[in-house]
Amino acid sequence: MIRCVIADDHILVRQALLHSLERDGDIQFVGAFEDAGQAAECAVKKRADILILDVAMPGLSPFDAARLAKKSNPDIKVVFLSGYNDDVYVRRAIEAGAHAYVLKSSDARELKLAIEKAHRGEKHIPMADRFFNRRIEETALDSLTAREREVLRMLAEGKTVKDVAVILGLSGKTVEAHKSNLMRKLDLHNKAELVHYAIAHKVIFVNVPQH
């Protein structure tokens, strides 16, 4: 039995995947969440085999959640589920320790295959071969520490320095220092530039209303 935890902020997606993947009896979901951080905590606590994360969710970055889970339990295999066949997302998933990256345009059979391969310790990232043929240009974002990326995301989401300090359990001076460092590294000069950068580099995600 492969024990899985899933995080996707769309309840219909979660329900559909749970129903589809548990039918065969060799996959069991021990947790389903709309938040990547909660999913990572559950996966570690329940010693799940597989952590399935949507790449674009509010709250803690799925990539940071993957790192936290693997730091606590290196045996956890991470499968990213994504609507984006994009170098930025694929690269960040690989850097976060992904064993698989599955597009949402795929059917449930491919996701099941990816889960089974990840459980065996094998990789299932079909689009990764394009990274072997050319060098992906490093960006200033790569120079940020994990904490600086976290502060960047929260500030871009509209939180104040005081809000960030409370959430992360840091002093206001420490958060101000992180803010100053990240803005210097990214050559940003005001809040508007910070938000624009975060959106352009997919640090935060903007939901476009559907009509």
Protein backbone atom coordinates (compact mmCIF):
# COMPACT_ATOMS: atom_id res chain seq x y z
CA MET A 1 0.00 0.00 0.00
CA ILE A 2 1.36 3.42 -1.00
CA ARG A 3 0.39 6.01 1.59
CA CYS A 4 -0.16 9.48 0.09
CA VAL A 5 -0.98 13.01 1.20
CA ILE A 6 -2.27 15.53 -1.32
CA ALA A 7 -2.55 19.33 -1.38
CA ASP A 8 -4.59 21.18 -4.00
CA ASP A 9 -6.62 24.29 -3.33
CA HIS A 10 -9.48 23.10 -5.55
CA ILE A 11 -11.72 20.70 -3.64
CA LEU A 12 -13.15 19.13 -6.80
CA VAL A 13 -9.64 18.25 -7.97
CA ARG A 14 -8.81 16.68 -4.61
CA GLN A 15 -12.02 14.67 -4.51
CA ALA A 16 -11.65 13.49 -8.10
CA LEU A 17 -8.07 12.33 -7.56
CA LEU A 18 -8.87 10.59 -4.30
CA HIS A 19 -11.77 8.74 -5.91
CA SER A 20 -9.81 7.81 -9.02
CA LEU A 21 -6.53 6.74 -7.42
CA GLU A 22 -7.93 4.77 -4.49
CA ARG A 23 -10.11 2.53 -6.68
CA ASP A 24 -7.36 0.00 -7.41
CA GLY A 25 -6.63 -0.52 -3.73
CA ASP A 26 -2.85 -0.08 -3.81
CA ILE A 27 -2.92 3.67 -3.06
CA GLN A 28 -4.28 5.07 0.19
CA PHE A 29 -4.69 8.76 1.00
CA VAL A 30 -3.99 9.58 4.63
CA GLY A 31 -4.53 13.31 4.23
CA ALA A 32 -5.98 15.86 1.79
CA PHE A 33 -5.49 19.60 2.20
CA GLU A 34 -5.85 22.94 0.43
CA ASP A 35 -2.59 24.18 1.98
CA ALA A 36 0.89 22.87 1.13
CA GLY A 37 2.29 23.52 4.60
CA GLN A 38 -0.45 21.53 6.32
CA ALA A 39 0.01 18.70 3.82
CA ALA A 40 3.76 18.60 4.47
CA GLU A 41 3.21 18.46 8.24
CA CYS A 42 0.69 15.64 7.85
CA ALA A 43 2.97 13.69 5.51
CA VAL A 44 5.79 13.85 8.05
CA LYS A 45 3.57 13.07 11.06
CA LYS A 46 1.88 10.09 9.41
CA ARG A 47 5.06 8.94 7.66
CA ALA A 48 3.43 9.01 4.24
CA ASP A 49 5.32 7.57 1.29
CA ILE A 50 4.25 10.23 -1.22
CA LEU A 51 3.47 13.93 -0.90
CA ILE A 52 1.48 15.27 -3.88
CA LEU A 53 1.55 19.05 -4.25
CA ASP A 54 -0.09 21.41 -6.70
CA VAL A 55 2.58 23.93 -7.78
CA ALA A 56 0.29 26.98 -7.53
CA MET A 57 -1.45 27.44 -4.19
CA PRO A 58 -1.90 30.27 -1.70
CA GLY A 59 -0.05 30.00 1.60
CA LEU A 60 3.35 28.39 2.02
CA SER A 61 5.11 27.82 -1.31
CA PRO A 62 4.67 24.18 -2.39
CA PHE A 63 8.39 24.11 -3.21
CA ASP A 64 9.31 25.23 0.31
CA ALA A 65 6.77 22.77 1.73
CA ALA A 66 8.48 19.99 -0.20
CA ARG A 67 11.87 20.98 1.22
CA LEU A 68 10.50 21.09 4.76
CA ALA A 69 8.93 17.65 4.42
CA LYS A 70 12.08 16.09 2.97
CA LYS A 71 14.23 17.74 5.63
CA SER A 72 12.10 16.12 8.35
CA ASN A 73 11.81 12.79 6.52
CA PRO A 74 14.23 12.28 3.61
CA ASP A 75 12.34 9.11 2.61
CA ILE A 76 9.25 11.08 1.50
CA LYS A 77 8.92 11.27 -2.27
CA VAL A 78 7.37 14.42 -3.71
CA VAL A 79 5.12 14.46 -6.78
CA PHE A 80 4.22 17.87 -8.19
CA LEU A 81 0.92 18.30 -10.00
CA SER A 82 0.85 21.26 -12.34
CA GLY A 83 -1.13 23.09 -14.98
CA TYR A 84 2.11 24.64 -16.24
CA ASN A 85 4.60 23.03 -18.62
CA ASP A 86 6.98 25.87 -17.89
CA ASP A 87 10.75 25.87 -17.32
CA VAL A 88 10.44 27.99 -14.18
CA TYR A 89 8.03 25.60 -12.45
CA VAL A 90 9.82 22.43 -13.59
CA ARG A 91 13.17 23.75 -12.51
CA ARG A 92 11.90 24.83 -9.08
CA ALA A 93 10.28 21.41 -8.63
CA ILE A 94 13.54 19.64 -9.48
CA GLU A 95 15.47 21.89 -7.10
CA ALA A 96 12.92 21.11 -4.36
CA GLY A 97 13.67 17.40 -4.72
CA ALA A 98 10.76 16.27 -6.88
CA HIS A 99 10.60 12.66 -7.99
CA ALA A 100 7.77 13.43 -10.41
CA TYR A 101 6.15 16.35 -12.22
CA VAL A 102 2.77 15.57 -13.76
CA LEU A 103 0.72 17.96 -15.87
CA LYS A 104 -2.96 18.35 -15.02
CA SER A 105 -3.73 17.80 -18.69
CA SER A 106 -2.60 14.18 -18.17
CA ASP A 107 -5.02 11.46 -17.15
CA ALA A 108 -5.13 9.70 -13.80
CA ARG A 109 -3.17 6.74 -15.18
CA GLU A 110 -0.06 8.88 -15.66
CA LEU A 111 -0.34 10.27 -12.15
CA LYS A 112 -0.70 6.73 -10.79
CA LEU A 113 2.37 5.69 -12.81
CA ALA A 114 4.30 8.68 -11.44
CA ILE A 115 3.32 7.79 -7.87
CA GLU A 116 4.37 4.16 -8.35
CA LYS A 117 7.72 5.15 -9.90
CA ALA A 118 8.39 7.72 -7.16
CA HIS A 119 7.61 5.08 -4.53
CA ARG A 120 10.28 2.87 -6.13
CA GLY A 121 12.73 5.77 -6.03
CA GLU A 122 12.52 6.40 -9.78
CA LYS A 123 12.04 9.76 -11.49
CA HIS A 124 9.07 10.70 -13.65
CA ILE A 125 9.77 14.16 -15.07
CA PRO A 126 9.30 13.74 -18.84
CA MET A 127 10.04 17.39 -19.61
CA ALA A 128 13.33 17.43 -17.67
CA ASP A 129 15.35 16.42 -20.74
CA ARG A 130 15.20 19.96 -22.08
CA PHE A 131 17.40 21.02 -19.15
CA PHE A 132 20.17 18.73 -20.37
CA ASN A 133 20.34 20.37 -23.78
CA ARG A 134 20.76 23.97 -22.72
CA ARG A 135 21.76 25.93 -19.68
CA ILE A 136 18.83 27.62 -17.95
CA GLU A 137 19.92 31.16 -17.14
CA GLU A 138 20.18 31.82 -13.44
CA THR A 139 18.14 34.71 -12.15
CA ALA A 140 18.61 37.01 -9.19
CA LEU A 141 15.87 35.00 -7.46
CA ASP A 142 18.34 32.12 -7.17
CA SER A 143 20.57 34.28 -4.99
CA LEU A 144 17.91 34.63 -2.27
CA THR A 145 17.95 32.45 0.80
CA ALA A 146 14.87 30.37 1.60
CA ARG A 147 13.93 32.86 4.32
CA GLU A 148 14.32 35.82 1.95
CA ARG A 149 12.07 34.08 -0.60
CA GLU A 150 9.51 33.51 2.15
CA VAL A 151 9.60 37.18 3.16
CA LEU A 152 9.38 38.24 -0.49
CA ARG A 153 6.27 36.12 -1.02
CA MET A 154 4.52 37.39 2.09
CA LEU A 155 5.28 41.04 1.35
CA ALA A 156 4.11 40.61 -2.24
CA GLU A 157 0.86 39.08 -0.94
CA GLY A 158 0.20 42.35 0.91
CA LYS A 159 1.41 41.52 4.40
CA THR A 160 3.22 44.17 6.43
CA VAL A 161 6.63 43.74 8.01
CA LYS A 162 4.88 43.40 11.37
CA ASP A 163 2.56 40.69 9.94
CA VAL A 164 5.53 38.76 8.57
CA ALA A 165 7.39 39.04 11.89
CA VAL A 166 4.42 37.57 13.78
CA ILE A 167 3.85 34.75 11.28
CA LEU A 168 7.52 33.72 11.15
CA GLY A 169 8.21 34.33 14.84
CA LEU A 170 10.94 36.88 14.07
CA SER A 171 11.63 40.38 15.27
CA GLY A 172 10.59 43.33 13.14
CA LYS A 173 14.26 44.32 12.75
CA THR A 174 15.14 40.86 11.42
CA VAL A 175 12.33 40.98 8.85
CA GLU A 176 13.40 44.51 7.84
CA ALA A 177 16.92 43.16 7.32
CA HIS A 178 15.62 40.33 5.13
CA LYS A 179 13.51 42.83 3.18
CA SER A 180 16.47 45.14 2.67
CA ASN A 181 18.70 42.27 1.52
CA LEU A 182 16.21 40.81 -0.95
CA MET A 183 15.38 44.19 -2.46
CA ARG A 184 19.09 44.90 -2.90
CA LYS A 185 19.72 41.51 -4.52
CA LEU A 186 16.73 41.88 -6.85
CA ASP A 187 17.42 45.58 -7.55
CA LEU A 188 13.94 46.59 -6.39
CA HIS A 189 13.15 50.04 -5.05
CA ASN A 190 9.53 50.06 -3.89
CA LYS A 191 6.53 47.86 -3.05
CA ALA A 192 5.07 48.07 -6.57
CA GLU A 193 8.29 46.73 -8.11
CA LEU A 194 8.40 43.98 -5.50
CA VAL A 195 4.86 42.83 -6.30
CA HIS A 196 5.47 42.98 -10.06
CA TYR A 197 8.67 40.94 -9.69
CA ALA A 198 6.94 38.32 -7.54
CA ILE A 199 4.15 37.87 -10.09
CA ALA A 200 6.50 37.84 -13.10
CA HIS A 201 8.74 35.19 -11.51
CA LYS A 202 5.84 33.11 -10.19
CA VAL A 203 6.65 33.65 -6.53
CA ILE A 204 2.97 34.46 -6.03
CA PHE A 205 0.01 33.58 -8.21
CA VAL A 206 -2.78 35.82 -9.37
CA ASN A 207 -6.13 34.15 -10.01
CA VAL A 208 -7.88 35.57 -13.05
CA PRO A 209 -11.69 35.53 -12.67
CA GLN A 210 -13.41 33.17 -15.10
CA HIS A 211 -16.40 34.53 -17.03
